[in-house]
């Protein structure tokens, strides 16, 4: 349920639907710590949005300050995502059922307005990596299990429909997002897998080559996962989803295990900078938050009104920690 919500936030620059999902999770007692927070899997990006169907289709929800039925909200979100992910804008992604067959990288290419995957520039690749790390950050920097695929690690693009035409004959378009990949770079000359899946274009390359560069996708992901492990964030407890004014801002407040303190996961899904004072419950004025990924960065202090000033550039993420 969270996957279409955070993808929607990134595609539209509007995190309101994602905030709504987390408010509903808290309302119905769904603990994020019991969930698997995953990027791409072998299936499509499903957009059935089941919580807004059946008896909930006529239920009213608060969305951007107005009341909207579940059915209307479902149609609105799905139409916005289809508009950005398939068709003339992104012919390399295909519809499947109530979802879209795509890889994480091809979703991000669509977000950036890239129409031809064979002409991705160095600058566009850098933008894709940045957005990919944002999505990884969202999934990793909260309680529960974090999962990602080999397709994510090497940065696979979708396969051209023509090279898997036989597999698509029954209407299952998901074969375009299941290309073969060589995670360790042990067989660079292979054109496909032993099972006959064609090799996909890997935008980031094999894992060993990436880990030689500190600025690669895999190296930056490794830093993120080290911080997650050191904080034991996987065992934390979500205690608040603060209200915010900025459309693209999304904030989670976690209680670290064994009374070790609080962690704030802050993400700017928008293309505009954010400067906002966010109310943080349960932390005294004067308490200082340090950056879990950049410990040398200037600490941020809780103000007298219990607020924390968050300044985030477009698509920037922060994991802030208060020990005590």
Protein backbone atom coordinates (compact mmCIF):
# COMPACT_ATOMS: atom_id res chain seq x y z
CA UNK A 1 0.00 0.00 0.00
CA UNK A 2 2.83 2.42 0.73
CA UNK A 3 4.62 1.79 -2.57
CA UNK A 4 2.08 3.54 -4.83
CA UNK A 5 1.78 6.26 -2.18
CA UNK A 6 5.48 7.17 -2.04
CA UNK A 7 5.84 6.78 -5.80
CA UNK A 8 2.87 9.14 -6.18
CA UNK A 9 4.59 11.63 -3.84
CA UNK A 10 7.71 11.61 -5.98
CA UNK A 11 5.92 11.70 -9.33
CA UNK A 12 3.69 14.63 -8.34
CA UNK A 13 5.86 16.42 -5.76
CA UNK A 14 2.86 16.18 -3.41
CA UNK A 15 3.18 14.04 -0.25
CA UNK A 16 -0.42 14.57 0.96
CA UNK A 17 -1.63 11.13 -0.21
CA UNK A 18 1.36 9.50 1.52
CA UNK A 19 0.58 11.40 4.73
CA UNK A 20 -3.04 10.22 4.48
CA UNK A 21 -1.91 6.59 4.17
CA UNK A 22 0.22 6.88 7.30
CA UNK A 23 -2.59 8.57 9.22
CA UNK A 24 -4.89 5.68 8.28
CA UNK A 25 -2.24 3.15 9.31
CA UNK A 26 -2.06 4.76 12.75
CA UNK A 27 -5.86 4.98 12.97
CA UNK A 28 -6.26 1.26 12.30
CA UNK A 29 -3.29 0.16 14.39
CA UNK A 30 -1.06 -0.96 11.50
CA UNK A 31 2.51 -0.96 12.82
CA UNK A 32 5.10 -0.06 10.11
CA UNK A 33 7.58 -2.17 12.10
CA UNK A 34 5.67 -5.29 11.04
CA UNK A 35 5.86 -4.46 7.34
CA UNK A 36 8.35 -5.16 4.55
CA UNK A 37 9.32 -1.84 2.95
CA UNK A 38 10.46 -2.81 -0.52
CA UNK A 39 11.47 -1.19 -3.78
CA UNK A 40 11.02 -3.19 -6.99
CA UNK A 41 9.91 -6.81 -6.89
CA UNK A 42 9.15 -9.22 -9.73
CA UNK A 43 5.62 -7.87 -10.17
CA UNK A 44 4.20 -4.61 -11.44
CA UNK A 45 3.74 -1.36 -9.55
CA UNK A 46 0.24 -2.20 -8.40
CA UNK A 47 -2.27 0.62 -8.08
CA UNK A 48 -5.41 -1.23 -7.00
CA UNK A 49 -5.51 0.98 -3.87
CA UNK A 50 -7.76 -1.56 -2.15
CA UNK A 51 -8.35 0.54 1.03
CA UNK A 52 -10.41 2.91 -1.12
CA UNK A 53 -12.65 0.26 -2.71
CA UNK A 54 -15.73 -1.67 -1.54
CA UNK A 55 -17.44 -0.09 1.44
CA UNK A 56 -14.67 2.51 1.65
CA UNK A 57 -15.34 3.81 -1.87
CA UNK A 58 -18.17 5.98 -0.51
CA UNK A 59 -16.38 6.86 2.74
CA UNK A 60 -15.12 10.43 2.97
CA UNK A 61 -11.47 11.25 3.59
CA UNK A 62 -9.76 14.57 4.28
CA UNK A 63 -7.44 15.43 1.39
CA UNK A 64 -5.84 18.87 0.98
CA UNK A 65 -8.38 20.37 3.34
CA UNK A 66 -11.49 19.05 1.59
CA UNK A 67 -13.63 15.95 1.85
CA UNK A 68 -13.36 13.42 -0.95
CA UNK A 69 -14.76 9.91 -1.26
CA UNK A 70 -12.47 6.91 -1.37
CA UNK A 71 -13.54 6.14 -4.92
CA UNK A 72 -12.84 9.68 -6.09
CA UNK A 73 -9.45 9.69 -4.36
CA UNK A 74 -8.53 6.34 -5.90
CA UNK A 75 -9.41 7.56 -9.40
CA UNK A 76 -7.53 10.83 -8.89
CA UNK A 77 -4.31 9.15 -7.70
CA UNK A 78 -4.37 6.43 -10.35
CA UNK A 79 -5.03 8.88 -13.20
CA UNK A 80 -2.18 11.12 -12.05
CA UNK A 81 0.21 8.15 -11.98
CA UNK A 82 -0.91 6.68 -15.31
CA UNK A 83 -0.53 10.09 -16.92
CA UNK A 84 3.12 10.27 -15.84
CA UNK A 85 4.20 6.64 -16.21
CA UNK A 86 2.88 5.24 -19.50
CA UNK A 87 1.90 6.26 -23.00
CA UNK A 88 3.59 8.84 -25.15
CA UNK A 89 5.49 10.29 -22.19
CA UNK A 90 7.13 6.95 -21.25
CA UNK A 91 6.59 4.30 -23.96
CA UNK A 92 9.07 1.95 -22.25
CA UNK A 93 6.60 1.30 -19.38
CA UNK A 94 3.46 -0.75 -20.03
CA UNK A 95 0.13 -1.06 -18.27
CA UNK A 96 -0.64 -4.33 -16.50
CA UNK A 97 -4.01 -4.86 -14.84
CA UNK A 98 -4.49 -2.02 -12.38
CA UNK A 99 -0.79 -1.20 -12.34
CA UNK A 100 2.27 -0.45 -14.44
CA UNK A 101 5.08 -2.77 -15.53
CA UNK A 102 8.27 -0.83 -14.88
CA UNK A 103 11.55 -0.90 -13.00
CA UNK A 104 12.37 1.66 -10.33
CA UNK A 105 14.80 3.30 -12.74
CA UNK A 106 12.30 3.45 -15.60
CA UNK A 107 9.75 4.98 -13.20
CA UNK A 108 12.30 7.65 -12.32
CA UNK A 109 13.12 8.21 -15.98
CA UNK A 110 9.43 8.91 -16.57
CA UNK A 111 9.42 11.29 -13.62
CA UNK A 112 12.28 13.22 -15.26
CA UNK A 113 10.51 13.36 -18.62
CA UNK A 114 13.01 11.05 -20.38
CA UNK A 115 11.25 9.55 -23.38
CA UNK A 116 14.09 7.48 -24.89
CA UNK A 117 16.01 5.23 -22.48
CA UNK A 118 18.81 4.78 -25.02
CA UNK A 119 19.68 8.48 -24.78
CA UNK A 120 20.07 8.99 -21.03
CA UNK A 121 22.77 11.60 -20.41
CA UNK A 122 25.31 11.63 -17.58
CA UNK A 123 23.38 14.44 -15.91
CA UNK A 124 20.10 12.52 -16.17
CA UNK A 125 21.75 9.41 -14.75
CA UNK A 126 22.92 11.45 -11.76
CA UNK A 127 19.36 12.72 -11.23
CA UNK A 128 17.99 9.17 -11.43
CA UNK A 129 20.48 7.98 -8.80
CA UNK A 130 19.53 10.85 -6.50
CA UNK A 131 15.82 10.08 -6.75
CA UNK A 132 16.47 6.35 -6.39
CA UNK A 133 18.35 7.01 -3.14
CA UNK A 134 15.43 9.15 -1.95
CA UNK A 135 13.06 6.20 -2.43
CA UNK A 136 15.54 3.85 -0.75
CA UNK A 137 15.83 6.31 2.15
CA UNK A 138 12.05 6.39 2.60
CA UNK A 139 11.93 2.59 2.84
CA UNK A 140 15.08 2.07 4.90
CA UNK A 141 14.74 4.87 7.45
CA UNK A 142 11.70 3.54 9.24
CA UNK A 143 10.92 0.46 11.36
CA UNK A 144 10.43 -2.94 9.76
CA UNK A 145 12.21 -4.90 7.06
CA UNK A 146 13.94 -3.09 4.21
CA UNK A 147 14.14 -4.93 0.89
CA UNK A 148 15.42 -4.15 -2.57
CA UNK A 149 16.18 -6.20 -5.66
CA UNK A 150 19.20 -6.87 -7.80
CA UNK A 151 17.41 -4.83 -10.47
CA UNK A 152 17.60 -1.86 -8.08
CA UNK A 153 21.25 -2.46 -7.18
CA UNK A 154 22.49 -2.46 -10.77
CA UNK A 155 19.97 0.15 -11.97
CA UNK A 156 18.20 -1.96 -14.57
CA UNK A 157 16.03 -0.39 -17.23
CA UNK A 158 13.00 -2.13 -18.71
CA UNK A 159 13.47 -4.48 -21.64
CA UNK A 160 12.19 -3.44 -25.04
CA UNK A 161 8.87 -5.18 -25.63
CA UNK A 162 10.18 -6.54 -28.94
CA UNK A 163 12.85 -8.70 -27.27
CA UNK A 164 10.28 -10.49 -25.06
CA UNK A 165 7.38 -10.49 -27.53
CA UNK A 166 6.76 -14.24 -27.09
CA UNK A 167 6.46 -13.87 -23.32
CA UNK A 168 4.07 -10.93 -23.69
CA UNK A 169 1.73 -12.89 -25.96
CA UNK A 170 -0.63 -13.81 -23.11
CA UNK A 171 -0.90 -10.19 -21.99
CA UNK A 172 1.56 -10.37 -19.11
CA UNK A 173 3.59 -7.21 -19.71
CA UNK A 174 5.61 -7.66 -16.50
CA UNK A 175 8.35 -9.48 -18.43
CA UNK A 176 9.71 -6.09 -19.47
CA UNK A 177 10.71 -5.38 -15.85
CA UNK A 178 12.31 -8.80 -15.27
CA UNK A 179 15.45 -8.51 -17.38
CA UNK A 180 18.54 -10.58 -16.60
CA UNK A 181 21.36 -8.87 -14.68
CA UNK A 182 24.90 -9.68 -13.58
CA UNK A 183 25.12 -8.43 -10.00
CA UNK A 184 28.83 -9.23 -9.53
CA UNK A 185 29.99 -8.60 -13.10
CA UNK A 186 31.27 -12.18 -13.48
CA UNK A 187 29.93 -12.73 -17.00
CA UNK A 188 30.05 -9.41 -18.86
CA UNK A 189 29.68 -11.02 -22.26
CA UNK A 190 26.42 -12.84 -21.52
CA UNK A 191 23.44 -11.71 -23.59
CA UNK A 192 20.91 -13.20 -21.20
CA UNK A 193 20.22 -15.63 -18.40
CA UNK A 194 20.42 -19.46 -18.68
CA UNK A 195 16.60 -19.43 -18.56
CA UNK A 196 16.48 -17.26 -21.67
CA UNK A 197 15.69 -13.84 -20.23
CA UNK A 198 17.44 -11.10 -22.24
CA UNK A 199 19.94 -8.96 -20.38
CA UNK A 200 18.67 -5.53 -19.38
CA UNK A 201 20.74 -2.35 -19.57
CA UNK A 202 22.21 -1.73 -16.11
CA UNK A 203 22.54 2.01 -15.57
CA UNK A 204 24.74 1.73 -12.45
CA UNK A 205 26.78 -1.36 -13.32
CA UNK A 206 27.92 -4.37 -11.24
CA UNK A 207 28.16 -4.09 -7.48
CA UNK A 208 31.98 -4.47 -7.13
CA UNK A 209 32.60 -1.61 -9.58
CA UNK A 210 30.12 0.61 -7.77
CA UNK A 211 31.70 -0.03 -4.38
CA UNK A 212 35.01 1.27 -5.70
CA UNK A 213 33.40 4.73 -6.00
CA UNK A 214 32.12 6.48 -2.86
CA UNK A 215 29.61 8.50 -4.90
CA UNK A 216 27.95 5.48 -6.57
CA UNK A 217 24.40 4.35 -5.85
CA UNK A 218 25.54 1.24 -3.97
CA UNK A 219 28.13 3.08 -1.85
CA UNK A 220 25.64 5.76 -0.80
CA UNK A 221 23.07 3.07 -0.06
CA UNK A 222 25.63 1.25 2.11
CA UNK A 223 26.14 4.41 4.20
CA UNK A 224 22.41 4.67 4.69
CA UNK A 225 22.10 1.04 5.79
CA UNK A 226 25.00 1.41 8.24
CA UNK A 227 23.19 4.31 9.90
CA UNK A 228 19.96 2.27 10.01
CA UNK A 229 21.81 -0.61 11.70
CA UNK A 230 23.65 1.61 14.19
CA UNK A 231 20.38 3.24 15.27
CA UNK A 232 18.56 -0.10 15.29
CA UNK A 233 15.91 1.80 13.43
CA UNK A 234 14.43 -1.48 12.19
CA UNK A 235 13.24 -2.08 15.78
CA UNK A 236 12.02 1.47 16.45
CA UNK A 237 8.39 2.54 16.92
CA UNK A 238 6.53 5.16 14.90
CA UNK A 239 5.17 7.75 17.35
CA UNK A 240 4.08 10.64 15.14
CA UNK A 241 3.43 11.82 11.59
CA UNK A 242 3.59 15.60 12.12
CA UNK A 243 1.32 17.94 10.20
CA UNK A 244 3.23 20.16 7.77
CA UNK A 245 2.43 23.01 5.39
CA UNK A 246 4.87 22.33 2.54
CA UNK A 247 3.23 20.16 -0.11
CA UNK A 248 6.28 17.96 -0.71
CA UNK A 249 7.43 17.55 2.89
CA UNK A 250 7.00 14.21 4.68
CA UNK A 251 8.10 13.65 8.27
CA UNK A 252 8.08 10.58 10.53
CA UNK A 253 9.09 10.57 14.22
CA UNK A 254 10.38 7.30 15.68
CA UNK A 255 11.13 6.19 19.22
CA UNK A 256 14.40 4.24 19.16
CA UNK A 257 14.51 0.88 21.00
CA UNK A 258 15.43 0.64 24.69
CA UNK A 259 14.89 4.35 25.30
CA UNK A 260 17.84 5.34 23.13
CA UNK A 261 16.13 8.52 21.92
CA UNK A 262 14.19 9.78 18.91
CA UNK A 263 14.83 9.71 15.19
CA UNK A 264 13.21 11.98 12.64
CA UNK A 265 12.98 10.88 9.02
CA UNK A 266 12.41 13.96 6.85
CA UNK A 267 12.01 13.92 3.06
CA UNK A 268 11.33 16.66 0.55
CA UNK A 269 9.52 14.99 -2.36
CA UNK A 270 9.15 18.33 -4.12
CA UNK A 271 11.25 20.30 -6.58
CA UNK A 272 11.23 23.41 -4.35
CA UNK A 273 13.22 24.05 -1.20
CA UNK A 274 11.43 23.67 2.13
CA UNK A 275 11.93 25.86 5.21
CA UNK A 276 9.42 24.94 7.90
CA UNK A 277 9.16 24.67 11.69
CA UNK A 278 7.75 21.22 12.48
CA UNK A 279 6.26 20.41 15.88
CA UNK A 280 7.97 17.42 17.52
CA UNK A 281 6.12 15.89 20.44
CA UNK A 282 7.81 14.35 23.45
CA UNK A 283 11.17 16.12 23.10
CA UNK A 284 12.08 18.98 25.43
CA UNK A 285 13.05 22.44 24.22
CA UNK A 286 16.80 22.76 23.83
CA UNK A 287 17.23 19.12 22.82
CA UNK A 288 19.63 18.75 19.91
CA UNK A 289 19.27 16.52 16.87
CA UNK A 290 22.34 15.42 14.92
CA UNK A 291 22.43 14.09 11.37
CA UNK A 292 22.75 10.28 11.37
CA UNK A 293 24.41 10.26 7.94
CA UNK A 294 26.48 13.43 8.38
CA UNK A 295 27.47 13.54 12.09
CA UNK A 296 29.76 16.56 11.51
CA UNK A 297 26.84 18.69 10.26
CA UNK A 298 25.50 21.40 12.55
CA UNK A 299 23.04 20.04 15.13
CA UNK A 300 19.45 21.27 15.07
CA UNK A 301 17.79 22.39 18.30
CA UNK A 302 14.18 22.08 19.44
CA UNK A 303 12.78 25.57 19.98
CA UNK A 304 10.75 26.82 22.93
CA UNK A 305 7.50 25.99 21.14
CA UNK A 306 8.57 22.38 20.65
CA UNK A 307 9.37 22.93 17.00
CA UNK A 308 12.31 21.87 14.87
CA UNK A 309 13.30 24.04 11.91
CA UNK A 310 13.72 21.87 8.83
CA UNK A 311 15.47 23.29 5.77
CA UNK A 312 15.56 20.85 2.87
CA UNK A 313 16.64 21.38 -0.72
CA UNK A 314 14.61 19.80 -3.54
CA UNK A 315 14.59 16.00 -3.16
CA UNK A 316 16.77 16.19 -0.05
CA UNK A 317 16.50 13.71 2.84
CA UNK A 318 17.58 13.94 6.49
CA UNK A 319 17.76 11.39 9.31
CA UNK A 320 18.01 13.37 12.55
CA UNK A 321 18.75 11.77 15.91
CA UNK A 322 18.27 12.85 19.53
CA UNK A 323 20.06 10.60 22.01
CA UNK A 324 18.51 10.48 25.47
